[in-house]
């Protein structure tokens, strides 16, 4: 199993929207590195659901339920989506500031390249953030 972090602007599509929909495809990715990360995702992989822009925090966990396929919002064959479902909402959102202040997370992609919208997360990093979110 692999672990990921997926960023969304909460004004565009929030955790609450995902809960209401129960499942969605992750569309609109137009960065090659993020796209390549989505192509590596497998059914059953878990991802931190991250509210970007003003909130800058992980709010829960989602599961990959369908591997990559053509993004239905564009005819451009370069872009893909995956389908996700919610798994768990954190008791407490884990802010970017909290992540940056934890030495155990200093090598996390989120700390080193905070702009990347879909990024890999090491198992240890994932577990630390889940622990922080559920304390």
Protein backbone atom coordinates (compact mmCIF):
# COMPACT_ATOMS: atom_id res chain seq x y z
CA UNK A 1 0.00 0.00 0.00
CA UNK A 2 1.13 3.53 -0.79
CA UNK A 3 0.25 6.79 0.91
CA UNK A 4 -0.46 10.19 -0.60
CA UNK A 5 -1.58 13.72 0.11
CA UNK A 6 -4.23 15.30 -2.14
CA UNK A 7 -4.86 19.04 -2.00
CA UNK A 8 -8.13 20.76 -2.70
CA UNK A 9 -9.35 24.30 -2.35
CA UNK A 10 -12.17 23.97 0.19
CA UNK A 11 -14.16 26.70 -1.58
CA UNK A 12 -14.11 24.53 -4.71
CA UNK A 13 -14.50 21.02 -3.22
CA UNK A 14 -14.30 20.50 0.53
CA UNK A 15 -14.34 17.49 2.84
CA UNK A 16 -18.04 18.19 3.45
CA UNK A 17 -18.68 18.04 -0.32
CA UNK A 18 -16.95 14.65 -0.45
CA UNK A 19 -19.01 13.36 2.47
CA UNK A 20 -22.20 14.50 0.73
CA UNK A 21 -21.16 12.90 -2.60
CA UNK A 22 -19.70 9.72 -0.97
CA UNK A 23 -17.35 9.27 -3.94
CA UNK A 24 -15.77 11.51 -6.56
CA UNK A 25 -13.17 11.58 -9.26
CA UNK A 26 -10.16 13.79 -8.56
CA UNK A 27 -10.10 16.08 -11.59
CA UNK A 28 -8.45 19.28 -12.71
CA UNK A 29 -4.84 18.25 -12.07
CA UNK A 30 -2.68 20.05 -14.62
CA UNK A 31 0.79 19.46 -13.25
CA UNK A 32 2.87 16.63 -14.73
CA UNK A 33 4.43 15.55 -11.45
CA UNK A 34 1.03 15.45 -9.71
CA UNK A 35 -0.42 13.58 -12.70
CA UNK A 36 2.40 11.04 -12.58
CA UNK A 37 1.74 10.53 -8.88
CA UNK A 38 -1.92 9.81 -9.66
CA UNK A 39 -0.84 7.24 -12.25
CA UNK A 40 1.05 5.44 -9.47
CA UNK A 41 -2.01 5.18 -7.21
CA UNK A 42 -3.54 1.76 -6.66
CA UNK A 43 -6.95 0.72 -5.37
CA UNK A 44 -6.75 0.64 -1.57
CA UNK A 45 -4.03 3.30 -1.26
CA UNK A 46 -4.78 5.96 1.35
CA UNK A 47 -4.37 9.71 1.08
CA UNK A 48 -4.47 12.66 3.42
CA UNK A 49 -7.23 15.05 2.34
CA UNK A 50 -5.69 18.52 2.51
CA UNK A 51 -7.56 21.85 2.42
CA UNK A 52 -5.24 24.33 0.72
CA UNK A 53 -5.27 28.13 0.28
CA UNK A 54 -6.40 29.78 3.52
CA UNK A 55 -6.85 26.70 5.72
CA UNK A 56 -3.63 24.80 4.88
CA UNK A 57 -4.46 21.66 6.86
CA UNK A 58 -5.09 17.93 6.56
CA UNK A 59 -8.67 17.23 7.55
CA UNK A 60 -9.10 13.51 6.95
CA UNK A 61 -8.26 10.32 5.07
CA UNK A 62 -9.55 9.13 1.71
CA UNK A 63 -9.13 5.82 -0.10
CA UNK A 64 -8.35 5.31 -3.78
CA UNK A 65 -11.22 3.23 -5.15
CA UNK A 66 -10.49 3.40 -8.90
CA UNK A 67 -7.12 3.71 -10.61
CA UNK A 68 -6.35 6.41 -13.17
CA UNK A 69 -8.40 7.00 -16.28
CA UNK A 70 -8.97 9.89 -18.72
CA UNK A 71 -10.04 13.13 -17.01
CA UNK A 72 -13.65 13.62 -18.16
CA UNK A 73 -13.34 17.42 -17.82
CA UNK A 74 -10.95 17.67 -20.79
CA UNK A 75 -10.33 16.12 -24.20
CA UNK A 76 -6.58 16.39 -23.60
CA UNK A 77 -5.37 12.80 -23.20
CA UNK A 78 -2.43 13.85 -21.01
CA UNK A 79 -4.64 14.38 -17.95
CA UNK A 80 -6.11 11.70 -15.72
CA UNK A 81 -8.28 11.26 -12.63
CA UNK A 82 -8.64 8.68 -9.87
CA UNK A 83 -11.76 7.98 -7.83
CA UNK A 84 -11.74 8.47 -4.06
CA UNK A 85 -14.04 7.83 -1.12
CA UNK A 86 -13.86 9.27 2.40
CA UNK A 87 -12.51 7.01 5.14
CA UNK A 88 -12.23 9.16 8.24
CA UNK A 89 -12.44 12.80 9.30
CA UNK A 90 -9.82 13.88 11.82
CA UNK A 91 -10.95 15.06 15.25
CA UNK A 92 -8.53 17.97 14.79
CA UNK A 93 -7.27 19.38 11.51
CA UNK A 94 -3.48 19.14 11.21
CA UNK A 95 -2.13 22.49 10.02
CA UNK A 96 0.85 23.08 7.79
CA UNK A 97 2.43 25.02 10.67
CA UNK A 98 2.12 21.95 12.92
CA UNK A 99 3.67 19.74 10.25
CA UNK A 100 6.56 22.17 9.74
CA UNK A 101 7.20 22.39 13.49
CA UNK A 102 7.51 18.60 13.89
CA UNK A 103 11.12 17.51 13.27
CA UNK A 104 9.95 14.02 12.33
CA UNK A 105 8.24 15.53 9.27
CA UNK A 106 11.08 17.78 8.10
CA UNK A 107 11.70 15.72 4.93
CA UNK A 108 8.03 15.46 3.97
CA UNK A 109 7.22 16.59 0.43
CA UNK A 110 4.59 18.95 1.89
CA UNK A 111 7.36 20.78 3.74
CA UNK A 112 9.84 20.81 0.85
CA UNK A 113 7.41 21.38 -2.06
CA UNK A 114 4.17 22.66 -0.57
CA UNK A 115 2.71 23.65 -3.96
CA UNK A 116 2.48 20.12 -5.40
CA UNK A 117 -1.22 19.16 -5.40
CA UNK A 118 -0.81 15.37 -5.34
CA UNK A 119 2.24 14.07 -3.53
CA UNK A 120 3.62 10.89 -2.02
CA UNK A 121 3.73 10.48 1.75
CA UNK A 122 5.92 7.98 3.60
CA UNK A 123 4.10 5.50 5.83
CA UNK A 124 5.77 6.96 8.94
CA UNK A 125 4.72 10.50 7.96
CA UNK A 126 1.17 9.36 7.29
CA UNK A 127 0.97 7.65 10.69
CA UNK A 128 2.34 10.73 12.48
CA UNK A 129 -0.22 13.03 10.84
CA UNK A 130 -3.09 10.62 11.52
CA UNK A 131 -1.98 10.49 15.15
CA UNK A 132 -1.91 14.29 15.33
CA UNK A 133 -5.35 14.51 13.75
CA UNK A 134 -6.91 12.05 16.15
CA UNK A 135 -5.37 13.20 19.44
